[in-house]
Every structure is written in C-alpha cells, then in structure tokens.
Amino acid sequence: MAERDDDTDSAAAFYDLRRNWIDKLCEHKDVKHATFRVGYWMARRMNATDKAMWWPIDRIAKEVHVDRKTVFAAIAEMERRRLMTVTRTLGKPSRYSIRLPHS
C-alpha cells in the first residue's frame, strides 16, 4: 500500500510542477504567443509516469493549428530559455520534458 501512496504523491508532485511550469511560461514577458500555445499543449500531454511526451512535430502542428516551422521555433525558444529539455536520438522520436527556470 505504501508503494501506491508513493506513486500517488509522486504523480501529484509532477502535476503541481507542470501547473507551475505552465504559469511561468504564461507569465514570461519575452515568450512569444505561439511558443506559449505550443508549450502549453505539449505540457498537457506529459504524464506523471515518464514526465515527458514524444508526440511528433507534425501532430503538434496539426493540433495547435500552426505550421511545422512554428513548432520547431517554439521548441528552440523553450530550450534556449531553459524551460524545456529535448532528448534527441537518431531513429527515435524526440523526448520533451519541462524544466522550471532557476530563480
């Protein structure tokens, strides 16, 4: 039973982190509107189990109603601002994880 409680606590902590991350992204004065839309959409697809998402760029663009170039630019902006970590592996989908900025 303790393991299940640990999992529940861990999930709750991740969802709090994700909510805080979305708030920080929204409140960041220099983040472009499209970057917020892409980042928000991506964050909402991350789950507490793996704390990441792997959706392909084409699907993100379709769901957010922007072109691929906008998605690439948004991801690059979030990486540059140290809001997101992207793990790229040849032949596999990229893995996207959120990062809270350091104060």
N, C-alpha and C. Protein backbone atom coordinates (compact mmCIF):
# COMPACT_ATOMS: atom_id res chain seq x y z
N MET A 1 0.82 -1.19 0.00
CA MET A 1 0.00 0.00 0.00
C MET A 1 0.87 1.26 0.00
N ALA A 2 2.00 1.22 0.70
CA ALA A 2 2.88 2.38 0.76
C ALA A 2 3.40 2.74 -0.63
N GLU A 3 3.67 1.72 -1.46
CA GLU A 3 4.16 1.98 -2.81
C GLU A 3 3.12 2.76 -3.61
N ARG A 4 1.87 2.38 -3.49
CA ARG A 4 0.80 3.09 -4.19
C ARG A 4 0.71 4.54 -3.71
N ASP A 5 0.84 4.76 -2.40
CA ASP A 5 0.82 6.12 -1.86
C ASP A 5 1.99 6.93 -2.40
N ASP A 6 3.17 6.29 -2.50
CA ASP A 6 4.33 6.97 -3.05
C ASP A 6 4.08 7.37 -4.50
N ASP A 7 3.48 6.46 -5.28
CA ASP A 7 3.16 6.76 -6.67
C ASP A 7 2.16 7.90 -6.77
N THR A 8 1.16 7.89 -5.91
CA THR A 8 0.16 8.95 -5.90
C THR A 8 0.79 10.29 -5.54
N ASP A 9 1.65 10.29 -4.52
CA ASP A 9 2.35 11.51 -4.11
C ASP A 9 3.25 12.02 -5.23
N SER A 10 3.95 11.09 -5.89
CA SER A 10 4.83 11.45 -6.99
C SER A 10 4.04 12.06 -8.15
N ALA A 11 2.91 11.46 -8.46
CA ALA A 11 2.06 11.99 -9.54
C ALA A 11 1.55 13.37 -9.18
N ALA A 12 1.09 13.54 -7.96
CA ALA A 12 0.58 14.85 -7.52
C ALA A 12 1.69 15.90 -7.60
N ALA A 13 2.89 15.53 -7.20
CA ALA A 13 4.02 16.46 -7.25
C ALA A 13 4.32 16.85 -8.70
N PHE A 14 4.29 15.86 -9.61
CA PHE A 14 4.54 16.18 -11.01
C PHE A 14 3.47 17.11 -11.56
N TYR A 15 2.20 16.85 -11.27
CA TYR A 15 1.13 17.70 -11.80
C TYR A 15 1.20 19.11 -11.21
N ASP A 16 1.66 19.25 -9.98
CA ASP A 16 1.89 20.58 -9.41
C ASP A 16 3.04 21.28 -10.15
N LEU A 17 4.12 20.55 -10.39
CA LEU A 17 5.25 21.09 -11.15
C LEU A 17 4.80 21.52 -12.53
N ARG A 18 4.02 20.69 -13.20
CA ARG A 18 3.54 21.01 -14.54
C ARG A 18 2.67 22.27 -14.52
N ARG A 19 1.80 22.37 -13.54
CA ARG A 19 0.93 23.55 -13.42
C ARG A 19 1.79 24.81 -13.20
N ASN A 20 2.79 24.71 -12.33
CA ASN A 20 3.69 25.85 -12.09
C ASN A 20 4.47 26.22 -13.34
N TRP A 21 4.89 25.21 -14.10
CA TRP A 21 5.63 25.45 -15.33
C TRP A 21 4.76 26.21 -16.33
N ILE A 22 3.52 25.79 -16.49
CA ILE A 22 2.60 26.47 -17.40
C ILE A 22 2.41 27.92 -16.96
N ASP A 23 2.26 28.15 -15.66
CA ASP A 23 2.14 29.52 -15.15
C ASP A 23 3.38 30.34 -15.48
N LYS A 24 4.56 29.78 -15.25
CA LYS A 24 5.81 30.50 -15.55
C LYS A 24 5.92 30.81 -17.04
N LEU A 25 5.55 29.86 -17.87
CA LEU A 25 5.59 30.08 -19.32
C LEU A 25 4.65 31.22 -19.70
N CYS A 26 3.46 31.22 -19.14
CA CYS A 26 2.46 32.26 -19.43
C CYS A 26 2.93 33.63 -18.95
N GLU A 27 3.57 33.68 -17.80
CA GLU A 27 3.97 34.95 -17.19
C GLU A 27 5.30 35.49 -17.72
N HIS A 28 6.03 34.68 -18.49
CA HIS A 28 7.33 35.10 -19.02
C HIS A 28 7.09 36.17 -20.08
N LYS A 29 7.55 37.39 -19.83
CA LYS A 29 7.22 38.51 -20.71
C LYS A 29 7.81 38.42 -22.11
N ASP A 30 8.88 37.66 -22.28
CA ASP A 30 9.53 37.60 -23.59
C ASP A 30 9.15 36.38 -24.43
N VAL A 31 8.33 35.49 -23.89
CA VAL A 31 7.93 34.30 -24.64
C VAL A 31 6.85 34.68 -25.65
N LYS A 32 7.05 34.25 -26.88
CA LYS A 32 6.08 34.56 -27.94
C LYS A 32 4.77 33.80 -27.72
N HIS A 33 3.70 34.36 -28.27
CA HIS A 33 2.38 33.74 -28.11
C HIS A 33 2.35 32.31 -28.65
N ALA A 34 2.93 32.09 -29.82
CA ALA A 34 2.94 30.75 -30.41
C ALA A 34 3.74 29.78 -29.54
N THR A 35 4.81 30.27 -28.93
CA THR A 35 5.61 29.42 -28.05
C THR A 35 4.79 29.00 -26.84
N PHE A 36 4.02 29.93 -26.29
CA PHE A 36 3.15 29.56 -25.17
C PHE A 36 2.15 28.50 -25.60
N ARG A 37 1.51 28.69 -26.75
CA ARG A 37 0.50 27.72 -27.21
C ARG A 37 1.11 26.34 -27.39
N VAL A 38 2.26 26.29 -28.04
CA VAL A 38 2.93 25.00 -28.27
C VAL A 38 3.36 24.39 -26.94
N GLY A 39 3.99 25.19 -26.08
CA GLY A 39 4.45 24.69 -24.79
C GLY A 39 3.32 24.21 -23.90
N TYR A 40 2.23 24.96 -23.88
CA TYR A 40 1.07 24.57 -23.08
C TYR A 40 0.53 23.23 -23.58
N TRP A 41 0.37 23.11 -24.88
CA TRP A 41 -0.17 21.87 -25.46
C TRP A 41 0.74 20.69 -25.14
N MET A 42 2.05 20.89 -25.29
CA MET A 42 2.99 19.81 -25.02
C MET A 42 2.97 19.42 -23.54
N ALA A 43 2.97 20.40 -22.66
CA ALA A 43 2.97 20.12 -21.22
C ALA A 43 1.74 19.33 -20.81
N ARG A 44 0.59 19.65 -21.39
CA ARG A 44 -0.65 18.95 -21.04
C ARG A 44 -0.64 17.50 -21.51
N ARG A 45 0.27 17.13 -22.39
CA ARG A 45 0.36 15.73 -22.84
C ARG A 45 1.41 14.95 -22.07
N MET A 46 2.14 15.60 -21.19
CA MET A 46 3.13 14.90 -20.36
C MET A 46 2.41 14.26 -19.18
N ASN A 47 2.83 13.03 -18.85
CA ASN A 47 2.16 12.35 -17.73
C ASN A 47 3.14 12.13 -16.58
N ALA A 48 2.59 11.76 -15.45
CA ALA A 48 3.38 11.62 -14.23
C ALA A 48 4.27 10.37 -14.24
N THR A 49 3.97 9.41 -15.10
CA THR A 49 4.75 8.18 -15.13
C THR A 49 6.14 8.43 -15.71
N ASP A 50 6.20 9.02 -16.90
CA ASP A 50 7.51 9.25 -17.52
C ASP A 50 7.91 10.71 -17.57
N LYS A 51 7.00 11.60 -17.17
CA LYS A 51 7.28 13.04 -17.08
C LYS A 51 7.78 13.62 -18.40
N ALA A 52 7.29 13.09 -19.49
CA ALA A 52 7.72 13.53 -20.81
C ALA A 52 6.63 13.24 -21.83
N MET A 53 6.86 13.72 -23.05
CA MET A 53 5.97 13.37 -24.16
C MET A 53 6.81 13.20 -25.41
N TRP A 54 6.28 12.45 -26.36
CA TRP A 54 7.02 12.11 -27.58
C TRP A 54 6.24 12.41 -28.84
N TRP A 55 5.20 13.19 -28.79
CA TRP A 55 4.38 13.42 -29.98
C TRP A 55 5.23 14.01 -31.10
N PRO A 56 5.00 13.58 -32.34
CA PRO A 56 5.79 14.10 -33.45
C PRO A 56 5.43 15.56 -33.79
N ILE A 57 6.37 16.25 -34.38
CA ILE A 57 6.20 17.67 -34.75
C ILE A 57 4.96 17.87 -35.62
N ASP A 58 4.76 17.00 -36.60
CA ASP A 58 3.59 17.14 -37.48
C ASP A 58 2.29 17.11 -36.69
N ARG A 59 2.20 16.24 -35.72
CA ARG A 59 0.97 16.13 -34.91
C ARG A 59 0.79 17.36 -34.02
N ILE A 60 1.88 17.83 -33.43
CA ILE A 60 1.80 19.04 -32.60
C ILE A 60 1.31 20.20 -33.46
N ALA A 61 1.90 20.37 -34.64
CA ALA A 61 1.50 21.46 -35.54
C ALA A 61 0.02 21.36 -35.89
N LYS A 62 -0.44 20.16 -36.19
CA LYS A 62 -1.85 19.97 -36.55
C LYS A 62 -2.77 20.32 -35.39
N GLU A 63 -2.45 19.85 -34.20
CA GLU A 63 -3.30 20.05 -33.03
C GLU A 63 -3.34 21.52 -32.58
N VAL A 64 -2.22 22.22 -32.73
CA VAL A 64 -2.13 23.61 -32.28
C VAL A 64 -2.51 24.59 -33.40
N HIS A 65 -2.66 24.07 -34.62
CA HIS A 65 -3.04 24.87 -35.79
C HIS A 65 -1.97 25.90 -36.16
N VAL A 66 -0.73 25.40 -36.19
CA VAL A 66 0.40 26.20 -36.65
C VAL A 66 1.21 25.32 -37.61
N ASP A 67 2.18 25.93 -38.30
CA ASP A 67 2.99 25.11 -39.20
C ASP A 67 4.18 24.51 -38.45
N ARG A 68 4.84 23.56 -39.11
CA ARG A 68 5.98 22.86 -38.50
C ARG A 68 7.08 23.83 -38.08
N LYS A 69 7.32 24.84 -38.92
CA LYS A 69 8.36 25.83 -38.63
C LYS A 69 8.09 26.53 -37.29
N THR A 70 6.83 26.83 -37.03
CA THR A 70 6.45 27.48 -35.77
C THR A 70 6.70 26.55 -34.59
N VAL A 71 6.40 25.27 -34.75
CA VAL A 71 6.64 24.30 -33.67
C VAL A 71 8.14 24.19 -33.40
N PHE A 72 8.94 24.06 -34.46
CA PHE A 72 10.39 23.99 -34.28
C PHE A 72 10.91 25.24 -33.58
N ALA A 73 10.43 26.42 -34.00
CA ALA A 73 10.88 27.68 -33.39
C ALA A 73 10.46 27.75 -31.92
N ALA A 74 9.26 27.30 -31.61
CA ALA A 74 8.77 27.33 -30.22
C ALA A 74 9.60 26.41 -29.33
N ILE A 75 9.88 25.22 -29.81
CA ILE A 75 10.69 24.27 -29.04
C ILE A 75 12.10 24.84 -28.84
N ALA A 76 12.67 25.42 -29.89
CA ALA A 76 14.01 26.01 -29.78
C ALA A 76 14.01 27.16 -28.77
N GLU A 77 12.95 27.98 -28.78
CA GLU A 77 12.87 29.08 -27.82
C GLU A 77 12.78 28.55 -26.39
N MET A 78 11.96 27.52 -26.17
CA MET A 78 11.84 26.96 -24.82
C MET A 78 13.15 26.32 -24.36
N GLU A 79 13.87 25.68 -25.28
CA GLU A 79 15.19 25.13 -24.93
C GLU A 79 16.15 26.25 -24.57
N ARG A 80 16.18 27.30 -25.40
CA ARG A 80 17.10 28.42 -25.19
C ARG A 80 16.83 29.10 -23.84
N ARG A 81 15.57 29.18 -23.47
CA ARG A 81 15.20 29.82 -22.20
C ARG A 81 15.26 28.83 -21.03
N ARG A 82 15.73 27.63 -21.30
CA ARG A 82 15.90 26.57 -20.30
C ARG A 82 14.57 26.20 -19.62
N LEU A 83 13.51 26.22 -20.42
CA LEU A 83 12.19 25.83 -19.94
C LEU A 83 11.85 24.39 -20.31
N MET A 84 12.56 23.86 -21.30
CA MET A 84 12.29 22.51 -21.78
C MET A 84 13.60 21.82 -22.12
N THR A 85 13.63 20.52 -21.87
CA THR A 85 14.75 19.69 -22.26
C THR A 85 14.28 18.78 -23.38
N VAL A 86 15.07 18.71 -24.44
CA VAL A 86 14.74 17.83 -25.56
C VAL A 86 15.86 16.81 -25.70
N THR A 87 15.49 15.54 -25.66
CA THR A 87 16.44 14.46 -25.86
C THR A 87 16.21 13.92 -27.26
N ARG A 88 17.22 14.06 -28.11
CA ARG A 88 17.11 13.61 -29.50
C ARG A 88 17.96 12.35 -29.68
N THR A 89 17.34 11.32 -30.25
CA THR A 89 18.03 10.07 -30.52
C THR A 89 17.75 9.70 -31.97
N LEU A 90 18.79 9.45 -32.73
CA LEU A 90 18.65 9.12 -34.14
C LEU A 90 17.71 7.92 -34.32
N GLY A 91 16.73 8.08 -35.17
CA GLY A 91 15.80 7.00 -35.48
C GLY A 91 14.66 6.83 -34.49
N LYS A 92 14.60 7.70 -33.48
CA LYS A 92 13.54 7.61 -32.48
C LYS A 92 12.89 8.99 -32.33
N PRO A 93 11.65 9.01 -31.84
CA PRO A 93 11.02 10.31 -31.59
C PRO A 93 11.78 11.08 -30.50
N SER A 94 11.79 12.39 -30.63
CA SER A 94 12.41 13.22 -29.58
C SER A 94 11.58 13.10 -28.31
N ARG A 95 12.23 13.28 -27.18
CA ARG A 95 11.57 13.22 -25.88
C ARG A 95 11.62 14.63 -25.28
N TYR A 96 10.46 15.16 -24.91
CA TYR A 96 10.34 16.52 -24.40
C TYR A 96 9.98 16.49 -22.92
N SER A 97 10.74 17.23 -22.11
CA SER A 97 10.49 17.32 -20.67
C SER A 97 10.51 18.78 -20.25
N ILE A 98 9.70 19.13 -19.25
CA ILE A 98 9.66 20.51 -18.77
C ILE A 98 10.73 20.74 -17.72
N ARG A 99 11.18 22.00 -17.62
CA ARG A 99 12.14 22.41 -16.60
C ARG A 99 11.66 23.73 -16.03
N LEU A 100 11.64 23.85 -14.73
CA LEU A 100 11.35 25.15 -14.14
C LEU A 100 12.61 25.99 -14.19
N PRO A 101 12.47 27.26 -14.54
CA PRO A 101 13.66 28.12 -14.59
C PRO A 101 14.22 28.34 -13.20
N HIS A 102 15.52 28.54 -13.14
CA HIS A 102 16.17 28.83 -11.86
C HIS A 102 15.92 30.28 -11.50
N SER A 103 15.68 30.53 -10.24
CA SER A 103 15.44 31.91 -9.78
C SER A 103 16.74 32.67 -9.65
